[in-house]
Amino acid sequence: MTRIEPNLLLALTTGVAVALLVTTASVFGEPGLALKYTVLAVIVPVSYVVLNGLWSRRMKLQRPPMVHAEAATTAVWASLFPLLVILAAGVPLVFPGHDYGLLVIIAAVWLGVTVESALKARQAG
């Protein structure tokens, strides 16, 4: 059995946390916004990965993946992404009936960051 790459695992856990946020925002948020939250959760990470990749190439920026072997503590710091998104998923439970579009956008950008990191780790080998 092969080992799961840590950056891929980080992207998957953040994706599950974003799905949890979309679910709680749809159920406990303002009625009728479930489609909006779902579309935001899909479009924003894809746009982030594509546009940030273009921008990084244009500016000639080279950043390593979020989790790498040279600094073992990066895994601990990177685990804050899904943790904060899970905590954000609790906000609609505490304050129901509001529009949580901005919260979904922020979480989706964080998902885009982790997906980009997983892609960079895959390209690095």
Protein backbone atom coordinates (compact mmCIF):
# COMPACT_ATOMS: atom_id res chain seq x y z
CA MET A 1 0.00 0.00 0.00
CA THR A 2 1.35 3.39 -0.93
CA ARG A 3 1.50 6.34 1.38
CA ILE A 4 -0.95 9.22 0.97
CA GLU A 5 0.83 12.47 0.18
CA PRO A 6 0.31 14.94 3.07
CA ASN A 7 -0.65 17.86 0.83
CA LEU A 8 -3.32 15.74 -0.86
CA LEU A 9 -4.64 14.68 2.52
CA LEU A 10 -4.74 18.34 3.59
CA ALA A 11 -6.71 19.27 0.46
CA LEU A 12 -9.16 16.40 1.01
CA THR A 13 -9.79 17.27 4.66
CA THR A 14 -10.26 20.94 3.82
CA GLY A 15 -12.68 19.93 1.06
CA VAL A 16 -14.72 17.86 3.51
CA ALA A 17 -14.73 20.79 5.94
CA VAL A 18 -15.94 23.15 3.19
CA ALA A 19 -18.71 20.66 2.36
CA LEU A 20 -19.69 20.69 6.04
CA LEU A 21 -19.74 24.50 6.02
CA VAL A 22 -21.91 24.58 2.89
CA THR A 23 -24.29 22.09 4.49
CA THR A 24 -24.66 23.97 7.76
CA ALA A 25 -24.96 27.32 5.99
CA SER A 26 -27.66 25.88 3.70
CA VAL A 27 -29.63 24.30 6.54
CA PHE A 28 -29.31 26.99 9.21
CA GLY A 29 -28.68 30.08 7.08
CA GLU A 30 -31.10 32.26 5.19
CA PRO A 31 -33.59 30.12 3.24
CA GLY A 32 -33.08 29.60 -0.49
CA LEU A 33 -29.32 30.12 -0.68
CA ALA A 34 -28.15 26.51 -0.86
CA LEU A 35 -27.44 26.71 -4.60
CA LYS A 36 -25.47 29.94 -4.13
CA TYR A 37 -23.27 28.35 -1.46
CA THR A 38 -22.68 25.24 -3.56
CA VAL A 39 -21.73 27.25 -6.65
CA LEU A 40 -19.38 29.44 -4.60
CA ALA A 41 -17.73 26.39 -3.04
CA VAL A 42 -16.99 24.98 -6.50
CA ILE A 43 -16.15 28.08 -8.56
CA VAL A 44 -13.92 29.93 -6.07
CA PRO A 45 -11.28 27.20 -5.50
CA VAL A 46 -11.05 26.43 -9.21
CA SER A 47 -10.70 30.13 -10.03
CA TYR A 48 -8.09 30.57 -7.30
CA VAL A 49 -5.93 27.71 -8.57
CA VAL A 50 -6.10 28.84 -12.19
CA LEU A 51 -5.65 32.57 -11.62
CA ASN A 52 -2.99 32.21 -8.92
CA GLY A 53 -1.06 29.84 -11.19
CA LEU A 54 -1.14 32.40 -13.98
CA TRP A 55 -0.14 35.20 -11.63
CA SER A 56 2.71 33.20 -10.11
CA ARG A 57 4.11 32.38 -13.55
CA ARG A 58 3.83 35.99 -14.65
CA MET A 59 5.57 37.27 -11.51
CA LYS A 60 8.07 34.36 -11.60
CA LEU A 61 7.21 33.29 -8.03
CA GLN A 62 8.13 29.82 -6.82
CA ARG A 63 6.58 28.73 -3.53
CA PRO A 64 7.00 25.21 -2.17
CA PRO A 65 4.02 23.06 -1.15
CA MET A 66 2.52 23.82 2.26
CA VAL A 67 3.71 20.57 3.82
CA HIS A 68 7.28 19.55 2.98
CA ALA A 69 9.94 17.38 4.55
CA GLU A 70 12.47 20.16 5.17
CA ALA A 71 10.26 21.65 7.90
CA ALA A 72 8.26 19.07 9.80
CA THR A 73 6.22 21.70 11.67
CA THR A 74 4.57 22.78 8.43
CA ALA A 75 2.14 19.88 8.82
CA VAL A 76 0.97 21.23 12.17
CA TRP A 77 0.50 24.75 10.85
CA ALA A 78 -1.24 23.52 7.70
CA SER A 79 -3.71 21.52 9.78
CA LEU A 80 -5.15 24.85 10.94
CA PHE A 81 -6.87 25.26 7.54
CA PRO A 82 -9.42 22.44 7.98
CA LEU A 83 -9.72 23.19 11.71
CA LEU A 84 -10.71 26.80 11.09
CA VAL A 85 -13.17 25.80 8.36
CA ILE A 86 -14.78 23.27 10.72
CA LEU A 87 -15.05 25.97 13.37
CA ALA A 88 -16.60 28.27 10.76
CA ALA A 89 -19.14 25.53 10.01
CA GLY A 90 -20.38 25.98 13.57
CA VAL A 91 -21.17 29.67 13.07
CA PRO A 92 -24.54 29.04 11.34
CA LEU A 93 -25.53 26.82 14.26
CA VAL A 94 -24.89 29.60 16.76
CA PHE A 95 -26.23 32.48 14.64
CA PRO A 96 -28.95 31.00 12.37
CA GLY A 97 -30.86 32.85 9.68
CA HIS A 98 -28.12 34.95 8.07
CA ASP A 99 -26.42 34.94 4.67
CA TYR A 100 -23.08 33.14 5.01
CA GLY A 101 -21.80 33.72 1.48
CA LEU A 102 -18.66 35.55 2.62
CA LEU A 103 -17.81 32.76 5.05
CA VAL A 104 -18.17 30.22 2.24
CA ILE A 105 -15.96 32.34 -0.05
CA ILE A 106 -13.21 32.58 2.59
CA ALA A 107 -13.32 28.83 3.20
CA ALA A 108 -13.31 28.17 -0.55
CA VAL A 109 -10.19 30.31 -1.00
CA TRP A 110 -8.49 28.28 1.74
CA LEU A 111 -9.55 25.15 -0.11
CA GLY A 112 -7.98 26.60 -3.25
CA VAL A 113 -4.72 27.20 -1.37
CA THR A 114 -4.59 23.58 -0.22
CA VAL A 115 -5.49 22.22 -3.66
CA GLU A 116 -2.75 24.34 -5.22
CA SER A 117 -0.31 22.98 -2.64
CA ALA A 118 -1.31 19.42 -3.48
CA LEU A 119 -0.79 20.11 -7.19
CA LYS A 120 2.64 21.61 -6.52
CA ALA A 121 3.63 18.59 -4.44
CA ARG A 122 2.50 16.27 -7.19
CA GLN A 123 4.48 18.19 -9.82
CA ALA A 124 7.58 18.14 -7.59
CA GLY A 125 7.42 14.38 -7.54
